[in-house]
Each structure stands twice: as C-alpha cells, then as structure tokens.
Amino acid sequence: MSLQRPPPSRVFVELVPWADRGQENNLITGGETRPNVCRPLSSTQAQAATREVHVSGTAEVSASPDRAQVAVRVSSTKEAASEAKKSVGRRLDYITQCLQQQGLQEENVTVTKDFRRVENAYHMEAEVCITFTEFGKMQNICNFLVEKLDSSVVISPPQFYHTPGSVENLRRHACLVAVENAWRKAQEVCNLVGQTLGKPLLIKEEETKEWDGQPDNHQSSSSSLTIQQKIKSATIHAASKVLITFEVKGKEKKKKHL
C-alpha cells in the first residue's frame, strides 16, 4: 500500500475571545426583577465563547490486487469414451499433484468436468480454477505447466482482483490518513500563533473518491499487457477529504520551581 503526498489545503483559523462572564444581567421572572443574576448564554454566544481552528485535510492511498485467478483447461476427443476420460484424467492428476507439491490449499483449487458426444466421438474436458495470493508462485507454476504439458492444455491469463475486505480497508485508511494530515496542520498553526491545540469538536468527511488504475493508451488490449501492467491496471485508488474543528487553548505556562 503506497501513500501519496496530499495536495495543499486551505487552513482557516478563528480565535474568538472568551465571553465576558463578569457582566451582570437582570433576570425577570413573574414580573419581578432579580439583580446580580447572570443570564445563561444562548447557543450562538456559547459558540462564540470557544476559540476554534478549522482545518481541512486530504489523503490519497492505493492498494494493489491481493488475489489472482488462473484457469487451466484440459481436453481430449476420442472415439472411445474410456480413452477420452483416461487421457484427461492422466493430465488432470499431474496438475493437481503439482499444485499440492507447491503448497496450494485445497480450498483455493476448484475442478470441474464436462463429458459429451461430438458427432461420432466423445469429448472430455476439465477445468482447474486456481486462486493465488502469491503472484510469484503463480508465475512459477504456470511456467512449469506450460513446459511439462502438451498443447492440449490451455492456461488462461491471470485475472487480478481485490477481496471485498481489502477495498473497505482502503477506504477507511484514506479517511484516517486525511484526519491525521488535518491534525498535523492544526498543530502547526497553533504552534505558530502561540496557542495550544485542544480536543476535536467536529470531524466531517466531506468527499470520497475511488477509481481503478488504467493501462497505457497504447496497451488497450488486455491480452497484450504484461503481468506488472495488469497489476497496475487492477490497482485501486481511494481519496478522502475531511473538515475538522479543534478547540484552541491558551499557551500553557510552565510552573516555576522554588
């Protein structure tokens, strides 16, 4: 997962002086006037009594695909049904044995078989769908099968994709990085004006974007892309923009030790 430097954001600082609490007001109740009683602040006045700093933060993160699927197809057409089954079964056993030796888990390998008549012959076809989490191992296995098996075995180009959990984690990570960037800006602003940053009063995610990587213009055909180009094309990017309001405190004074 890679982090890109966020674009510059605007920072708005508002330092509002504390409300004068020494002012005395009159509170009228039941036609009587009570002197020297402070009237409660309205919501507008309460907001004005708090010094705040408003900052925005942005972040853009990306994640490469974490899964790849390859289909290996084996077929045979024979006049006798048993010969067609035997031909496919022999190569199918070789493929599954190879996958087991490479440490692939059973749940990542799915085998389907199809048997039918074609004119006066019998056609047997099997497909092995393999899900990989290690792309280097995927390339090694595919290259080995191409070398050891004949042309009747067809290996499809790998299809890269993301698990649902990884996409959700990417969105969440973009928001958290944007919040962290906003906090750092607010911290620097308060240090610059001699104030102390307080607790956050409001955190709002204003905008989110998500998009896939795109192959180069001259490589429009998926079959002509290299493995690295396919991974780049399947990479997901996510961006987040947040607005945060922090409380601002006065500069803390250091106590003198006697």
Foldseek 3Di string as FASTA:
>chain_A
DDWDDDDDWDWAFFFAAADDPPDWDWDADPNDIDTRDHDDDDPVNVVSRFGKIKFKFKIKDKDWFQKKKKKKKAKDKALDQVVRCVVRVVVVVVLVVVCVVLPADPVQKDKDKDWDDDVNIIMIMMMIMGMDRDVVSVVVSVVVCPVPDDPNMDMDPMQTAHDPVVVVVQQVVRLVVRVVRRVVVVCVVCVVVQWHWAAWDDKAWDDKDKDFACADPVPPDPVPDDPVRNRRRRMMMMMIMMMIMITIGHHDDDDDDD
